[in-house]
Amino acid sequence: MVALKFHQYQMVGRALPKDAEDTPKIFRMKLWHTNDVRAKSKFWYFLKKVKVKKSNGQIVAINEVQSGKASEKLLFTYFPFLGRVVQ
């Protein structure tokens, strides 16, 4: 059996600036996934819930978070702006 190695990514993104809104809200999420491509996909999935689509948004930063302890690696994330826990 092959074990999948999960990595924690911190994703920062926002909607593109428009004439009506010069400084849009910035969203930051910490996601657990096997690679950065899948983490980006999950990031856009959750941003669609707050009406920011991939075509009208941009990713500002992607960072892989290095954790020292294996016990700190949890397989769920809480998104306060969505108000729910995702596993």
N, C-alpha and C. Protein backbone atom coordinates (compact mmCIF):
# COMPACT_ATOMS: atom_id res chain seq x y z
N MET A 1 0.84 -1.18 0.00
CA MET A 1 0.00 0.00 0.00
C MET A 1 0.88 1.24 0.00
N VAL A 2 0.53 2.20 -0.81
CA VAL A 2 1.30 3.44 -0.91
C VAL A 2 0.61 4.52 -0.08
N ALA A 3 1.38 5.15 0.78
CA ALA A 3 0.83 6.22 1.61
C ALA A 3 1.00 7.55 0.89
N LEU A 4 -0.06 8.34 0.86
CA LEU A 4 0.02 9.67 0.26
C LEU A 4 0.65 10.63 1.25
N LYS A 5 1.55 11.45 0.78
CA LYS A 5 2.19 12.43 1.64
C LYS A 5 1.48 13.77 1.45
N PHE A 6 0.87 14.23 2.52
CA PHE A 6 0.17 15.49 2.47
C PHE A 6 1.10 16.62 2.90
N HIS A 7 0.95 17.75 2.25
CA HIS A 7 1.71 18.95 2.56
C HIS A 7 0.72 20.04 2.91
N GLN A 8 1.16 20.95 3.78
CA GLN A 8 0.30 22.07 4.12
C GLN A 8 0.73 23.27 3.30
N TYR A 9 -0.25 23.90 2.65
CA TYR A 9 0.00 25.07 1.82
C TYR A 9 -0.79 26.25 2.37
N GLN A 10 -0.14 27.41 2.36
CA GLN A 10 -0.84 28.64 2.68
C GLN A 10 -1.06 29.38 1.37
N MET A 11 -2.32 29.61 1.04
CA MET A 11 -2.69 30.26 -0.22
C MET A 11 -3.27 31.63 0.11
N VAL A 12 -2.82 32.64 -0.63
CA VAL A 12 -3.33 34.00 -0.47
C VAL A 12 -3.82 34.45 -1.84
N GLY A 13 -5.05 34.93 -1.89
CA GLY A 13 -5.62 35.37 -3.16
C GLY A 13 -6.61 36.49 -2.97
N ARG A 14 -7.03 37.06 -4.09
CA ARG A 14 -7.99 38.15 -4.06
C ARG A 14 -8.70 38.26 -5.39
N ALA A 15 -9.76 39.04 -5.42
CA ALA A 15 -10.42 39.36 -6.67
C ALA A 15 -9.60 40.43 -7.37
N LEU A 16 -9.69 40.50 -8.69
CA LEU A 16 -8.99 41.54 -9.42
C LEU A 16 -9.60 42.90 -9.10
N PRO A 17 -8.77 43.96 -9.01
CA PRO A 17 -9.32 45.29 -8.73
C PRO A 17 -10.23 45.75 -9.87
N LYS A 18 -11.32 46.40 -9.50
CA LYS A 18 -12.27 46.95 -10.47
C LYS A 18 -12.38 48.45 -10.24
N ASP A 19 -13.11 49.11 -11.11
CA ASP A 19 -13.29 50.56 -10.97
C ASP A 19 -14.01 50.90 -9.67
N ALA A 20 -15.01 50.11 -9.33
CA ALA A 20 -15.79 50.38 -8.12
C ALA A 20 -15.03 50.03 -6.84
N GLU A 21 -14.13 49.07 -6.92
CA GLU A 21 -13.41 48.60 -5.73
C GLU A 21 -11.92 48.51 -6.05
N ASP A 22 -11.16 49.50 -5.57
CA ASP A 22 -9.73 49.54 -5.86
C ASP A 22 -8.94 48.52 -5.06
N THR A 23 -9.34 48.28 -3.82
CA THR A 23 -8.63 47.33 -2.97
C THR A 23 -9.58 46.22 -2.53
N PRO A 24 -9.64 45.13 -3.28
CA PRO A 24 -10.55 44.03 -2.91
C PRO A 24 -10.05 43.28 -1.67
N LYS A 25 -10.95 42.51 -1.08
CA LYS A 25 -10.60 41.70 0.09
C LYS A 25 -9.54 40.67 -0.28
N ILE A 26 -8.66 40.39 0.67
CA ILE A 26 -7.64 39.37 0.48
C ILE A 26 -8.04 38.17 1.34
N PHE A 27 -8.00 36.99 0.74
CA PHE A 27 -8.38 35.76 1.42
C PHE A 27 -7.14 34.89 1.61
N ARG A 28 -6.98 34.36 2.84
CA ARG A 28 -5.86 33.47 3.14
C ARG A 28 -6.43 32.16 3.67
N MET A 29 -5.93 31.07 3.13
CA MET A 29 -6.36 29.74 3.57
C MET A 29 -5.15 28.86 3.77
N LYS A 30 -5.27 27.95 4.71
CA LYS A 30 -4.28 26.90 4.88
C LYS A 30 -4.93 25.60 4.47
N LEU A 31 -4.37 24.94 3.48
CA LEU A 31 -4.94 23.72 2.92
C LEU A 31 -3.95 22.58 3.03
N TRP A 32 -4.46 21.38 3.24
CA TRP A 32 -3.65 20.16 3.21
C TRP A 32 -3.93 19.45 1.90
N HIS A 33 -2.89 19.20 1.12
CA HIS A 33 -3.06 18.44 -0.11
C HIS A 33 -1.76 17.77 -0.50
N THR A 34 -1.84 16.90 -1.50
CA THR A 34 -0.67 16.13 -1.92
C THR A 34 0.30 16.94 -2.75
N ASN A 35 -0.19 17.94 -3.50
CA ASN A 35 0.70 18.82 -4.25
C ASN A 35 0.05 20.19 -4.42
N ASP A 36 0.83 21.14 -4.95
CA ASP A 36 0.34 22.51 -5.04
C ASP A 36 -0.75 22.69 -6.09
N VAL A 37 -0.77 21.87 -7.12
CA VAL A 37 -1.80 21.98 -8.15
C VAL A 37 -3.17 21.66 -7.56
N ARG A 38 -3.24 20.61 -6.77
CA ARG A 38 -4.51 20.25 -6.14
C ARG A 38 -4.91 21.27 -5.07
N ALA A 39 -3.92 21.84 -4.40
CA ALA A 39 -4.22 22.87 -3.40
C ALA A 39 -4.81 24.11 -4.07
N LYS A 40 -4.27 24.48 -5.24
CA LYS A 40 -4.82 25.62 -5.98
C LYS A 40 -6.26 25.36 -6.39
N SER A 41 -6.52 24.16 -6.85
CA SER A 41 -7.87 23.80 -7.26
C SER A 41 -8.85 23.92 -6.10
N LYS A 42 -8.46 23.43 -4.95
CA LYS A 42 -9.32 23.50 -3.76
C LYS A 42 -9.49 24.95 -3.31
N PHE A 43 -8.43 25.75 -3.45
CA PHE A 43 -8.50 27.17 -3.11
C PHE A 43 -9.55 27.88 -3.96
N TRP A 44 -9.56 27.64 -5.27
CA TRP A 44 -10.55 28.27 -6.15
C TRP A 44 -11.95 27.75 -5.87
N TYR A 45 -12.06 26.49 -5.46
CA TYR A 45 -13.36 25.93 -5.09
C TYR A 45 -13.98 26.74 -3.95
N PHE A 46 -13.19 27.04 -2.92
CA PHE A 46 -13.71 27.78 -1.78
C PHE A 46 -13.90 29.26 -2.09
N LEU A 47 -13.08 29.84 -2.97
CA LEU A 47 -13.29 31.23 -3.33
C LEU A 47 -14.55 31.42 -4.16
N LYS A 48 -14.94 30.39 -4.92
CA LYS A 48 -16.21 30.49 -5.66
C LYS A 48 -17.39 30.62 -4.71
N LYS A 49 -17.25 30.09 -3.51
CA LYS A 49 -18.33 30.19 -2.52
C LYS A 49 -18.55 31.63 -2.05
N VAL A 50 -17.52 32.46 -2.16
CA VAL A 50 -17.64 33.88 -1.79
C VAL A 50 -17.63 34.77 -3.03
N LYS A 51 -18.04 34.20 -4.17
CA LYS A 51 -18.26 34.93 -5.42
C LYS A 51 -16.98 35.51 -6.04
N VAL A 52 -15.86 34.79 -5.91
CA VAL A 52 -14.63 35.15 -6.61
C VAL A 52 -14.27 33.99 -7.51
N LYS A 53 -14.38 34.21 -8.83
CA LYS A 53 -14.08 33.14 -9.77
C LYS A 53 -12.62 33.22 -10.21
N LYS A 54 -12.13 32.14 -10.76
CA LYS A 54 -10.74 32.07 -11.20
C LYS A 54 -10.44 33.10 -12.29
N SER A 55 -11.41 33.36 -13.16
CA SER A 55 -11.20 34.32 -14.24
C SER A 55 -11.18 35.76 -13.74
N ASN A 56 -11.78 36.01 -12.57
CA ASN A 56 -11.83 37.36 -12.01
C ASN A 56 -10.99 37.50 -10.74
N GLY A 57 -10.07 36.57 -10.52
CA GLY A 57 -9.27 36.61 -9.31
C GLY A 57 -7.81 36.30 -9.61
N GLN A 58 -7.00 36.43 -8.60
CA GLN A 58 -5.58 36.10 -8.75
C GLN A 58 -5.04 35.54 -7.44
N ILE A 59 -4.05 34.66 -7.59
CA ILE A 59 -3.36 34.12 -6.43
C ILE A 59 -2.16 35.02 -6.17
N VAL A 60 -2.10 35.55 -4.96
CA VAL A 60 -1.03 36.48 -4.60
C VAL A 60 0.21 35.71 -4.15
N ALA A 61 0.01 34.64 -3.35
CA ALA A 61 1.15 33.89 -2.83
C ALA A 61 0.75 32.45 -2.55
N ILE A 62 1.72 31.55 -2.75
CA ILE A 62 1.58 30.14 -2.38
C ILE A 62 2.82 29.78 -1.59
N ASN A 63 2.63 29.35 -0.36
CA ASN A 63 3.74 28.95 0.49
C ASN A 63 3.48 27.57 1.06
N GLU A 64 4.50 26.73 1.05
CA GLU A 64 4.38 25.44 1.71
C GLU A 64 4.83 25.62 3.15
N VAL A 65 3.95 25.28 4.08
CA VAL A 65 4.23 25.45 5.50
C VAL A 65 4.97 24.21 5.98
N GLN A 66 6.13 24.42 6.57
CA GLN A 66 6.92 23.31 7.11
C GLN A 66 6.57 23.14 8.58
N SER A 67 6.14 21.96 8.95
CA SER A 67 5.77 21.67 10.32
C SER A 67 6.83 20.77 10.94
N GLY A 68 7.16 21.04 12.20
CA GLY A 68 8.18 20.27 12.87
C GLY A 68 7.69 18.95 13.43
N LYS A 69 6.46 18.91 13.90
CA LYS A 69 5.93 17.72 14.56
C LYS A 69 4.87 17.06 13.70
N ALA A 70 4.91 15.75 13.64
CA ALA A 70 3.91 15.01 12.88
C ALA A 70 2.55 15.08 13.55
N SER A 71 2.53 15.26 14.88
CA SER A 71 1.25 15.32 15.58
C SER A 71 0.48 16.61 15.28
N GLU A 72 1.17 17.63 14.74
CA GLU A 72 0.50 18.88 14.41
C GLU A 72 -0.24 18.80 13.08
N LYS A 73 -0.02 17.76 12.31
CA LYS A 73 -0.62 17.65 11.00
C LYS A 73 -2.04 17.11 11.12
N LEU A 74 -2.99 17.98 10.98
CA LEU A 74 -4.39 17.62 11.07
C LEU A 74 -4.96 17.56 9.66
N LEU A 75 -5.93 16.70 9.46
CA LEU A 75 -6.51 16.55 8.13
C LEU A 75 -7.85 17.26 8.02
N PHE A 76 -7.96 18.40 8.67
CA PHE A 76 -9.15 19.22 8.47
C PHE A 76 -8.73 20.68 8.61
N THR A 77 -9.55 21.56 8.07
CA THR A 77 -9.28 22.99 8.11
C THR A 77 -10.58 23.71 8.43
N TYR A 78 -10.48 24.74 9.22
CA TYR A 78 -11.65 25.56 9.55
C TYR A 78 -11.53 26.88 8.80
N PHE A 79 -12.55 27.23 8.04
CA PHE A 79 -12.57 28.48 7.30
C PHE A 79 -13.60 29.40 7.97
N PRO A 80 -13.13 30.39 8.73
CA PRO A 80 -14.06 31.23 9.48
C PRO A 80 -15.02 32.01 8.59
N PHE A 81 -14.60 32.40 7.39
CA PHE A 81 -15.50 33.18 6.54
C PHE A 81 -16.58 32.30 5.93
N LEU A 82 -16.38 30.97 5.90
CA LEU A 82 -17.43 30.07 5.45
C LEU A 82 -18.22 29.50 6.62
N GLY A 83 -17.60 29.50 7.81
CA GLY A 83 -18.29 29.05 9.01
C GLY A 83 -18.47 27.55 9.10
N ARG A 84 -17.53 26.78 8.56
CA ARG A 84 -17.66 25.33 8.67
C ARG A 84 -16.29 24.66 8.63
N VAL A 85 -16.28 23.40 9.04
CA VAL A 85 -15.05 22.61 9.05
C VAL A 85 -15.05 21.71 7.82
N VAL A 86 -13.91 21.67 7.14
CA VAL A 86 -13.77 20.85 5.94
C VAL A 86 -12.76 19.77 6.21
N GLN A 87 -13.11 18.54 5.89
CA GLN A 87 -12.19 17.42 6.11
C GLN A 87 -11.65 16.91 4.81
